[in-house]
C-alpha atoms as a PDB file:
ATOM      1  CA  MET A   1      -0.140   0.051  -0.013  1.00  0.00           C
ATOM      2  CA  ILE A   2       1.062   3.674  -0.698  1.00  0.00           C
ATOM      3  CA  ILE A   3      -0.381   6.289   0.667  1.00  0.00           C
ATOM      4  CA  ASP A   4       1.199  10.180  -0.237  1.00  0.00           C
ATOM      5  CA  THR A   5       0.882  12.516   2.451  1.00  0.00           C
ATOM      6  CA  HIS A   6       2.173  15.691   0.640  1.00  0.00           C
ATOM      7  CA  THR A   7       0.463  16.838  -2.468  1.00  0.00           C
ATOM      8  CA  HIS A   8      -0.763  20.001  -4.387  1.00  0.00           C
ATOM      9  CA  VAL A   9      -4.253  20.730  -6.233  1.00  0.00           C
ATOM     10  CA  ILE A  10      -4.293  23.710  -8.265  1.00  0.00           C
ATOM     11  CA  ALA A  11      -7.769  24.304  -9.796  1.00  0.00           C
ATOM     12  CA  THR A  12      -7.654  25.406 -13.498  1.00  0.00           C
ATOM     13  CA  ASP A  13     -10.845  28.013 -12.875  1.00  0.00           C
ATOM     14  CA  THR A  14      -9.410  31.107 -11.501  1.00  0.00           C
ATOM     15  CA  LYS A  15     -12.751  32.786 -11.299  1.00  0.00           C
ATOM     16  CA  LYS A  16     -14.126  30.513  -8.250  1.00  0.00           C
ATOM     17  CA  TYR A  17     -11.154  29.735  -7.021  1.00  0.00           C
ATOM     18  CA  PRO A  18      -9.024  33.180  -7.651  1.00  0.00           C
ATOM     19  CA  LEU A  19      -5.491  33.078  -6.473  1.00  0.00           C
ATOM     20  CA  ALA A  20      -4.099  34.941  -3.883  1.00  0.00           C
ATOM     21  CA  PRO A  21      -0.965  33.729  -2.655  1.00  0.00           C
ATOM     22  CA  LEU A  22       0.763  33.946   0.989  1.00  0.00           C
ATOM     23  CA  PHE A  23       3.767  36.669   1.304  1.00  0.00           C
ATOM     24  CA  GLY A  24       2.483  38.032  -2.155  1.00  0.00           C
ATOM     25  CA  LYS A  25       4.346  35.555  -4.599  1.00  0.00           C
ATOM     26  CA  GLN A  26       2.720  32.475  -5.980  1.00  0.00           C
ATOM     27  CA  SER A  27       5.471  29.204  -6.316  1.00  0.00           C
ATOM     28  CA  ASP A  28       6.681  28.791  -9.940  1.00  0.00           C
ATOM     29  CA  TRP A  29       5.677  25.059  -9.985  1.00  0.00           C
ATOM     30  CA  SER A  30       1.675  26.210  -9.486  1.00  0.00           C
ATOM     31  CA  GLN A  31       1.977  28.551 -12.834  1.00  0.00           C
ATOM     32  CA  ALA A  32       4.118  25.856 -14.571  1.00  0.00           C
ATOM     33  CA  HIS A  33       3.043  22.823 -14.354  1.00  0.00           C
ATOM     34  CA  PRO A  34      -0.374  22.445 -11.871  1.00  0.00           C
ATOM     35  CA  ILE A  35      -2.963  19.688 -11.181  1.00  0.00           C
ATOM     36  CA  ASP A  36      -6.552  19.643 -10.545  1.00  0.00           C
ATOM     37  CA  TYR A  37      -7.723  16.912  -8.304  1.00  0.00           C
ATOM     38  CA  ALA A  38      -9.343  15.201 -11.270  1.00  0.00           C
ATOM     39  CA  ASP A  39      -5.552  14.973 -12.800  1.00  0.00           C
ATOM     40  CA  MET A  40      -4.531  13.907  -9.653  1.00  0.00           C
ATOM     41  CA  VAL A  41      -6.541  10.732  -9.161  1.00  0.00           C
ATOM     42  CA  LYS A  42      -5.444  10.111 -12.848  1.00  0.00           C
ATOM     43  CA  ALA A  43      -1.920  10.066 -11.244  1.00  0.00           C
ATOM     44  CA  ASP A  44      -2.342   8.337  -8.342  1.00  0.00           C
ATOM     45  CA  ILE A  45      -3.979   5.493 -10.109  1.00  0.00           C
ATOM     46  CA  GLU A  46      -1.436   5.189 -13.155  1.00  0.00           C
ATOM     47  CA  ALA A  47       1.095   5.445  -9.995  1.00  0.00           C
ATOM     48  CA  LYS A  48      -0.646   2.894  -7.969  1.00  0.00           C
ATOM     49  CA  VAL A  49      -0.993   5.262  -5.029  1.00  0.00           C
ATOM     50  CA  ASP A  50      -3.959   4.134  -3.007  1.00  0.00           C
ATOM     51  CA  LYS A  51      -4.690   7.595  -1.030  1.00  0.00           C
ATOM     52  CA  ALA A  52      -3.234  11.124  -0.670  1.00  0.00           C
ATOM     53  CA  VAL A  53      -3.644  13.858   1.322  1.00  0.00           C
ATOM     54  CA  LEU A  54      -3.894  17.214  -0.464  1.00  0.00           C
ATOM     55  CA  VAL A  55      -1.975  20.159   1.252  1.00  0.00           C
ATOM     56  CA  GLN A  56      -3.447  23.283   0.878  1.00  0.00           C
ATOM     57  CA  ALA A  57      -0.977  25.252  -2.108  1.00  0.00           C
ATOM     58  CA  SER A  58      -0.078  27.878   0.382  1.00  0.00           C
ATOM     59  CA  SER A  59       2.012  30.087  -2.459  1.00  0.00           C
ATOM     60  CA  ALA A  60      -1.252  29.994  -4.793  1.00  0.00           C
ATOM     61  CA  TYR A  61      -4.179  29.871  -2.421  1.00  0.00           C
ATOM     62  CA  ALA A  62      -3.032  31.249   1.280  1.00  0.00           C
ATOM     63  CA  PHE A  63      -6.067  30.721   3.597  1.00  0.00           C
ATOM     64  CA  ASP A  64      -8.619  29.663   1.125  1.00  0.00           C
ATOM     65  CA  ASN A  65      -8.992  25.940   1.207  1.00  0.00           C
ATOM     66  CA  SER A  66     -12.082  26.011  -0.826  1.00  0.00           C
ATOM     67  CA  TYR A  67     -10.608  24.241  -3.922  1.00  0.00           C
ATOM     68  CA  VAL A  68      -8.653  21.449  -1.410  1.00  0.00           C
ATOM     69  CA  ALA A  69     -12.411  21.121   0.972  1.00  0.00           C
ATOM     70  CA  ASP A  70     -14.395  20.782  -2.945  1.00  0.00           C
ATOM     71  CA  SER A  71     -11.714  18.188  -3.972  1.00  0.00           C
ATOM     72  CA  VAL A  72     -11.686  16.174  -0.943  1.00  0.00           C
ATOM     73  CA  ALA A  73     -15.709  16.400  -1.016  1.00  0.00           C
ATOM     74  CA  ALA A  74     -15.338  14.977  -5.120  1.00  0.00           C
ATOM     75  CA  HIS A  75     -13.297  12.121  -3.523  1.00  0.00           C
ATOM     76  CA  PRO A  76     -13.460  11.042  -0.470  1.00  0.00           C
ATOM     77  CA  GLU A  77     -12.325   7.619  -1.223  1.00  0.00           C
ATOM     78  CA  ARG A  78      -9.395   8.750  -2.046  1.00  0.00           C
ATOM     79  CA  PHE A  79      -8.147  11.992  -0.380  1.00  0.00           C
ATOM     80  CA  THR A  80      -7.997  13.916   2.879  1.00  0.00           C
ATOM     81  CA  GLY A  81      -6.991  17.794   2.969  1.00  0.00           C
ATOM     82  CA  VAL A  82      -5.126  19.989   5.097  1.00  0.00           C
ATOM     83  CA  PHE A  83      -6.155  23.512   5.614  1.00  0.00           C
ATOM     84  CA  SER A  84      -3.783  26.701   6.224  1.00  0.00           C
ATOM     85  CA  ILE A  85      -5.332  29.602   8.154  1.00  0.00           C
ATOM     86  CA  ASP A  86      -4.006  32.612   9.728  1.00  0.00           C
ATOM     87  CA  VAL A  87      -3.106  31.180  13.173  1.00  0.00           C
ATOM     88  CA  VAL A  88      -2.396  34.474  14.794  1.00  0.00           C
ATOM     89  CA  ALA A  89      -6.066  35.766  13.936  1.00  0.00           C
ATOM     90  CA  THR A  90      -8.526  36.242  16.613  1.00  0.00           C
ATOM     91  CA  ASP A  91     -10.937  33.977  14.864  1.00  0.00           C
ATOM     92  CA  ALA A  92      -8.081  31.287  14.433  1.00  0.00           C
ATOM     93  CA  VAL A  93      -9.846  28.505  15.874  1.00  0.00           C
ATOM     94  CA  ALA A  94     -13.473  29.064  14.442  1.00  0.00           C
ATOM     95  CA  LYS A  95     -11.924  29.810  11.101  1.00  0.00           C
ATOM     96  CA  MET A  96     -10.541  25.832  12.038  1.00  0.00           C
ATOM     97  CA  LYS A  97     -13.784  24.359  12.988  1.00  0.00           C
ATOM     98  CA  HIS A  98     -15.795  25.935   9.848  1.00  0.00           C
ATOM     99  CA  TRP A  99     -12.581  24.069   7.522  1.00  0.00           C
ATOM    100  CA  MET A 100     -12.805  20.950   9.569  1.00  0.00           C
ATOM    101  CA  GLY A 101     -16.521  21.081   9.424  1.00  0.00           C
ATOM    102  CA  LYS A 102     -15.644  20.864   5.600  1.00  0.00           C
ATOM    103  CA  GLY A 103     -13.934  17.601   5.766  1.00  0.00           C
ATOM    104  CA  LEU A 104     -10.528  18.448   6.018  1.00  0.00           C
ATOM    105  CA  THR A 105      -8.629  16.506   8.940  1.00  0.00           C
ATOM    106  CA  GLY A 106      -4.860  18.485   9.196  1.00  0.00           C
ATOM    107  CA  MET A 107      -3.580  21.947   9.064  1.00  0.00           C
ATOM    108  CA  ARG A 108       0.027  23.312   7.751  1.00  0.00           C
ATOM    109  CA  ILE A 109       1.260  26.602   8.850  1.00  0.00           C
ATOM    110  CA  PHE A 110       3.740  27.850   5.992  1.00  0.00           C
ATOM    111  CA  THR A 111       6.421  29.786   7.876  1.00  0.00           C
ATOM    112  CA  SER A 112       9.006  29.790   5.290  1.00  0.00           C
ATOM    113  CA  GLY A 113       9.535  28.468   1.757  1.00  0.00           C
ATOM    114  CA  SER A 114      10.536  28.312  -1.912  1.00  0.00           C
ATOM    115  CA  THR A 115       8.524  31.257  -1.936  1.00  0.00           C
ATOM    116  CA  HIS A 116       9.418  33.275   1.464  1.00  0.00           C
ATOM    117  CA  ALA A 117      13.022  33.105   2.359  1.00  0.00           C
ATOM    118  CA  GLU A 118      12.227  34.632   5.699  1.00  0.00           C
ATOM    119  CA  GLN A 119      11.637  31.989   8.599  1.00  0.00           C
ATOM    120  CA  GLU A 120       8.700  33.547  10.552  1.00  0.00           C
ATOM    121  CA  THR A 121       8.380  32.562  14.451  1.00  0.00           C
ATOM    122  CA  PHE A 122       4.668  33.563  14.724  1.00  0.00           C
ATOM    123  CA  PHE A 123       3.761  30.255  15.052  1.00  0.00           C
ATOM    124  CA  ALA A 124       5.031  30.175  18.710  1.00  0.00           C
ATOM    125  CA  ASP A 125       3.636  33.413  19.633  1.00  0.00           C
ATOM    126  CA  ALA A 126       1.106  33.416  22.418  1.00  0.00           C
ATOM    127  CA  ALA A 127      -1.699  34.295  20.264  1.00  0.00           C
ATOM    128  CA  ALA A 128      -1.162  31.049  18.212  1.00  0.00           C
ATOM    129  CA  PHE A 129      -1.617  29.024  21.369  1.00  0.00           C
ATOM    130  CA  PRO A 130      -5.430  28.524  21.003  1.00  0.00           C
ATOM    131  CA  VAL A 131      -4.809  26.750  17.905  1.00  0.00           C
ATOM    132  CA  TRP A 132      -2.038  24.873  18.853  1.00  0.00           C
ATOM    133  CA  GLN A 133      -4.363  23.719  21.952  1.00  0.00           C
ATOM    134  CA  TYR A 134      -7.562  23.284  19.895  1.00  0.00           C
ATOM    135  CA  ALA A 135      -5.575  21.343  17.278  1.00  0.00           C
ATOM    136  CA  SER A 136      -4.495  19.006  20.594  1.00  0.00           C
ATOM    137  CA  ASP A 137      -7.514  18.611  21.915  1.00  0.00           C
ATOM    138  CA  GLN A 138      -9.062  17.433  18.714  1.00  0.00           C
ATOM    139  CA  GLY A 139      -6.139  14.970  17.483  1.00  0.00           C
ATOM    140  CA  LEU A 140      -5.390  17.060  14.449  1.00  0.00           C
ATOM    141  CA  SER A 141      -2.144  17.026  12.558  1.00  0.00           C
ATOM    142  CA  VAL A 142      -0.211  19.646  11.907  1.00  0.00           C
ATOM    143  CA  CYS A 143       2.423  20.412   9.034  1.00  0.00           C
ATOM    144  CA  MET A 144       4.858  22.978   9.617  1.00  0.00           C
ATOM    145  CA  GLN A 145       6.521  24.252   6.549  1.00  0.00           C
ATOM    146  CA  MET A 146       9.919  25.872   8.034  1.00  0.00           C
ATOM    147  CA  ARG A 147      13.566  25.637   7.760  1.00  0.00           C
ATOM    148  CA  VAL A 148      16.231  24.083  10.405  1.00  0.00           C
ATOM    149  CA  LYS A 149      17.180  27.758  11.264  1.00  0.00           C
ATOM    150  CA  GLY A 150      13.450  27.909  13.435  1.00  0.00           C
ATOM    151  CA  LEU A 151      13.260  24.383  15.254  1.00  0.00           C
ATOM    152  CA  PRO A 152      14.965  25.802  18.311  1.00  0.00           C
ATOM    153  CA  LEU A 153      11.569  28.042  18.489  1.00  0.00           C
ATOM    154  CA  LEU A 154       9.491  25.231  17.771  1.00  0.00           C
ATOM    155  CA  GLU A 155      11.037  23.118  20.875  1.00  0.00           C
ATOM    156  CA  THR A 156       8.803  25.622  22.705  1.00  0.00           C
ATOM    157  CA  VAL A 157       5.812  24.584  20.898  1.00  0.00           C
ATOM    158  CA  LEU A 158       6.181  20.898  21.352  1.00  0.00           C
ATOM    159  CA  LYS A 159       6.820  21.513  25.119  1.00  0.00           C
ATOM    160  CA  ARG A 160       3.968  23.778  25.834  1.00  0.00           C
ATOM    161  CA  PHE A 161       1.717  21.345  23.652  1.00  0.00           C
ATOM    162  CA  PRO A 162       3.279  17.804  23.963  1.00  0.00           C
ATOM    163  CA  LYS A 163      -0.193  16.228  22.999  1.00  0.00           C
ATOM    164  CA  ALA A 164      -0.151  18.219  19.619  1.00  0.00           C
ATOM    165  CA  ARG A 165       0.922  16.495  16.837  1.00  0.00           C
ATOM    166  CA  VAL A 166       3.244  17.945  14.330  1.00  0.00           C
ATOM    167  CA  ILE A 167       4.706  16.774  11.004  1.00  0.00           C
ATOM    168  CA  LEU A 168       7.906  18.501   9.715  1.00  0.00           C
ATOM    169  CA  ASP A 169       7.871  19.100   6.080  1.00  0.00           C
ATOM    170  CA  HIS A 170      10.760  18.125   4.089  1.00  0.00           C
ATOM    171  CA  PHE A 171      12.905  17.563   7.118  1.00  0.00           C
ATOM    172  CA  ALA A 172      12.467  21.175   7.453  1.00  0.00           C
ATOM    173  CA  ARG A 173      15.163  21.431   4.927  1.00  0.00           C
ATOM    174  CA  ALA A 174      17.952  19.971   6.578  1.00  0.00           C
ATOM    175  CA  GLU A 175      21.063  19.520   4.797  1.00  0.00           C
ATOM    176  CA  ALA A 176      23.553  16.470   4.689  1.00  0.00           C
ATOM    177  CA  ALA A 177      26.336  17.227   2.709  1.00  0.00           C
ATOM    178  CA  ASP A 178      28.832  17.653   5.515  1.00  0.00           C
ATOM    179  CA  GLY A 179      28.381  14.444   5.960  1.00  0.00           C
ATOM    180  CA  PRO A 180      27.936  11.937   8.869  1.00  0.00           C
ATOM    181  CA  PRO A 181      27.003  13.105  12.257  1.00  0.00           C
ATOM    182  CA  PHE A 182      25.738  15.703  10.028  1.00  0.00           C
ATOM    183  CA  PRO A 183      26.083  18.446  12.716  1.00  0.00           C
ATOM    184  CA  SER A 184      24.565  20.815  10.525  1.00  0.00           C
ATOM    185  CA  ALA A 185      21.155  19.027  11.132  1.00  0.00           C
ATOM    186  CA  ALA A 186      21.758  18.901  14.949  1.00  0.00           C
ATOM    187  CA  PRO A 187      18.819  20.583  15.656  1.00  0.00           C
ATOM    188  CA  LEU A 188      16.325  18.395  14.007  1.00  0.00           C
ATOM    189  CA  TRP A 189      18.092  15.553  15.856  1.00  0.00           C
ATOM    190  CA  ALA A 190      17.698  17.281  18.840  1.00  0.00           C
ATOM    191  CA  LEU A 191      14.108  17.456  18.274  1.00  0.00           C
ATOM    192  CA  SER A 192      13.582  13.719  18.515  1.00  0.00           C
ATOM    193  CA  LYS A 193      12.925  13.205  22.108  1.00  0.00           C
ATOM    194  CA  TYR A 194       9.591  14.397  21.726  1.00  0.00           C
ATOM    195  CA  PRO A 195       7.322  12.012  20.923  1.00  0.00           C
ATOM    196  CA  ASN A 196       4.789  14.028  19.327  1.00  0.00           C
ATOM    197  CA  LEU A 197       7.436  15.216  16.348  1.00  0.00           C
ATOM    198  CA  TYR A 198       7.431  13.585  12.914  1.00  0.00           C
ATOM    199  CA  LEU A 199       9.297  14.004   9.800  1.00  0.00           C
ATOM    200  CA  LYS A 200       7.868  13.983   6.385  1.00  0.00           C
ATOM    201  CA  LEU A 201       9.821  12.200   4.008  1.00  0.00           C
ATOM    202  CA  THR A 202       9.895  13.922   0.256  1.00  0.00           C
ATOM    203  CA  HIS A 203      11.941  14.341  -2.214  1.00  0.00           C
ATOM    204  CA  ARG A 204      13.870  17.056  -0.380  1.00  0.00           C
ATOM    205  CA  PRO A 205      15.832  15.104   2.199  1.00  0.00           C
ATOM    206  CA  ILE A 206      16.397  12.316  -0.480  1.00  0.00           C
ATOM    207  CA  GLU A 207      17.804  14.485  -2.689  1.00  0.00           C
ATOM    208  CA  GLN A 208      20.104  16.100   0.129  1.00  0.00           C
ATOM    209  CA  SER A 209      20.556  12.274   1.264  1.00  0.00           C
ATOM    210  CA  VAL A 210      23.220  12.192  -1.538  1.00  0.00           C
ATOM    211  CA  LYS A 211      25.246  15.074  -1.570  1.00  0.00           C
ATOM    212  CA  GLY A 212      28.674  15.431  -0.497  1.00  0.00           C
ATOM    213  CA  LYS A 213      29.784  13.242   2.099  1.00  0.00           C
ATOM    214  CA  SER A 214      26.317  11.698   2.377  1.00  0.00           C
ATOM    215  CA  THR A 215      24.262   8.548   1.738  1.00  0.00           C
ATOM    216  CA  PRO A 216      20.919   7.892   1.911  1.00  0.00           C
ATOM    217  CA  GLU A 217      21.481   4.631   3.992  1.00  0.00           C
ATOM    218  CA  ALA A 218      24.037   6.917   6.721  1.00  0.00           C
ATOM    219  CA  PHE A 219      21.475  10.121   6.707  1.00  0.00           C
ATOM    220  CA  LEU A 220      18.295   8.836   6.138  1.00  0.00           C
ATOM    221  CA  GLY A 221      19.122   5.899   8.431  1.00  0.00           C
ATOM    222  CA  LYS A 222      19.974   8.201  10.919  1.00  0.00           C
ATOM    223  CA  ALA A 223      16.514   9.627  10.657  1.00  0.00           C
ATOM    224  CA  VAL A 224      15.005   6.334  11.120  1.00  0.00           C
ATOM    225  CA  ALA A 225      17.396   5.558  14.505  1.00  0.00           C
ATOM    226  CA  GLU A 226      16.637   8.928  16.048  1.00  0.00           C
ATOM    227  CA  PHE A 227      12.925   9.395  15.150  1.00  0.00           C
ATOM    228  CA  GLY A 228      11.930   5.710  14.640  1.00  0.00           C
ATOM    229  CA  ALA A 229      10.062   4.911  11.470  1.00  0.00           C
ATOM    230  CA  ALA A 230       6.742   5.103  13.045  1.00  0.00           C
ATOM    231  CA  ARG A 231       7.420   8.730  13.142  1.00  0.00           C
ATOM    232  CA  MET A 232       7.904   9.316   9.483  1.00  0.00           C
ATOM    233  CA  CYS A 233       5.512   9.458   6.523  1.00  0.00           C
ATOM    234  CA  TRP A 234       6.611   9.452   3.250  1.00  0.00           C
ATOM    235  CA  GLY A 235       4.958  12.413   0.625  1.00  0.00           C
ATOM    236  CA  SER A 236       5.867  13.259  -2.979  1.00  0.00           C
ATOM    237  CA  ASN A 237       5.645  16.513  -3.243  1.00  0.00           C
ATOM    238  CA  PHE A 238       3.834  16.502  -6.486  1.00  0.00           C
ATOM    239  CA  PRO A 239       3.642  18.600  -8.703  1.00  0.00           C
ATOM    240  CA  ALA A 240       5.744  20.794  -6.758  1.00  0.00           C
ATOM    241  CA  ALA A 241       8.519  18.638  -7.309  1.00  0.00           C
ATOM    242  CA  LYS A 242       9.605  18.195 -11.000  1.00  0.00           C
ATOM    243  CA  PRO A 243       9.823  14.812 -11.289  1.00  0.00           C
ATOM    244  CA  PRO A 244       6.539  12.547 -12.412  1.00  0.00           C
ATOM    245  CA  LEU A 245       4.986  10.638  -9.835  1.00  0.00           C
ATOM    246  CA  PRO A 246       6.380   7.410 -10.760  1.00  0.00           C
ATOM    247  CA  GLU A 247       9.927   8.696 -10.400  1.00  0.00           C
ATOM    248  CA  LEU A 248       9.065  10.503  -7.350  1.00  0.00           C
ATOM    249  CA  ILE A 249       8.029   6.966  -5.872  1.00  0.00           C
ATOM    250  CA  GLU A 250      10.915   5.060  -7.007  1.00  0.00           C
ATOM    251  CA  MET A 251      13.173   7.886  -5.714  1.00  0.00           C
ATOM    252  CA  ALA A 252      11.699   7.219  -2.237  1.00  0.00           C
ATOM    253  CA  ARG A 253      11.579   2.834  -2.665  1.00  0.00           C
ATOM    254  CA  LYS A 254      15.405   3.253  -3.824  1.00  0.00           C
ATOM    255  CA  ALA A 255      16.785   5.613  -1.078  1.00  0.00           C
ATOM    256  CA  LEU A 256      14.955   3.282   1.925  1.00  0.00           C
ATOM    257  CA  SER A 257      15.963   0.261   0.262  1.00  0.00           C
ATOM    258  CA  PHE A 258      18.784  -0.446   3.230  1.00  0.00           C
ATOM    259  CA  LEU A 259      15.941  -0.550   5.470  1.00  0.00           C
ATOM    260  CA  ARG A 260      13.811  -4.007   6.423  1.00  0.00           C
ATOM    261  CA  GLN A 261      10.180  -4.414   4.748  1.00  0.00           C
ATOM    262  CA  GLY A 262       8.718  -3.353   7.943  1.00  0.00           C
ATOM    263  CA  ASP A 263      10.327  -0.163   8.226  1.00  0.00           C
ATOM    264  CA  GLN A 264       9.593   0.654   4.580  1.00  0.00           C
ATOM    265  CA  ASP A 265       5.786  -0.246   5.003  1.00  0.00           C
ATOM    266  CA  GLN A 266       5.394   2.049   8.313  1.00  0.00           C
ATOM    267  CA  ILE A 267       6.962   4.965   6.167  1.00  0.00           C
ATOM    268  CA  PHE A 268       5.209   4.399   3.080  1.00  0.00           C
ATOM    269  CA  TYR A 269       1.659   4.168   4.741  1.00  0.00           C
ATOM    270  CA  LYS A 270       1.419   3.174   8.400  1.00  0.00           C
ATOM    271  CA  THR A 271       2.500   6.199   9.774  1.00  0.00           C
ATOM    272  CA  ALA A 272      -0.324   8.320   7.370  1.00  0.00           C
ATOM    273  CA  LEU A 273      -3.204   6.148   9.055  1.00  0.00           C
ATOM    274  CA  ALA A 274      -2.075   7.292  12.189  1.00  0.00           C
ATOM    275  CA  LEU A 275      -1.480  10.654  11.595  1.00  0.00           C
ATOM    276  CA  TYR A 276      -4.692  10.878   9.061  1.00  0.00           C
ATOM    277  CA  PRO A 277      -7.216   8.197  10.938  1.00  0.00           C
ATOM    278  CA  ALA A 278     -10.015   9.436   8.568  1.00  0.00           C
ATOM    279  CA  LEU A 279      -8.076   7.810   5.267  1.00  0.00           C
ATOM    280  CA  ALA A 280      -8.606   4.333   7.336  1.00  0.00           C
ATOM    281  CA  LYS A 281     -12.604   4.399   7.180  1.00  0.00           C
ATOM    282  CA  LYS A 282     -13.016   5.281   3.569  1.00  0.00           C
END
């Protein structure tokens, strides 16, 4: 079984779903090679992906999660969705309830990325605490799009909300070229002691794992040793990632081939079912 925990969909109808990227800059991929939900279904079937998590494309729609919600509603047997909101807004919890009422079962906080190099810190502000508390109370998985630089601040959140399930997208873009024991990724390894923190394995850490003095077995093996396979899940980042979906799957399979089958299964689908239980019900 394969569950893809990180995909993005972009509507072809820009009147019904107007573009309004977060931080004012639209991502290159959402302009050059967008995929709507119908094409995502086709791509998943062709690549033999069983189910997928549609993550709000913040660099296209900011906090308007309408298309993700409509996509999930169109194919609830295949998709669940992750919404994004302004977590420091006074009505943030009300917005959470609204999108959860639309069938979305995860939240994403975009604090840095390809369209915004600066690492924002608002996610740890006191104004965001009601959001973290509600996510914790509801068992809502929270994806963090961020960089290694922000991890010490994330630790304050992990300490304050020990029951909040937090997923680090792309390993927080940790680098691996320096080789074992990967000192540049030290802030990442330091957070492995928090059982509520999970890693999302996408093409980005896989590509890092073959740079410089690193190998997949060394870098990804250390991630498994530090966090455990039960706290790692695979996501393609399709179509933001340039390779076709089958190639992204093959990339991941090759990179994880050193692991025993049980750990591979955990990363390719079992952890996803734990983070997004709705997928197991469909």
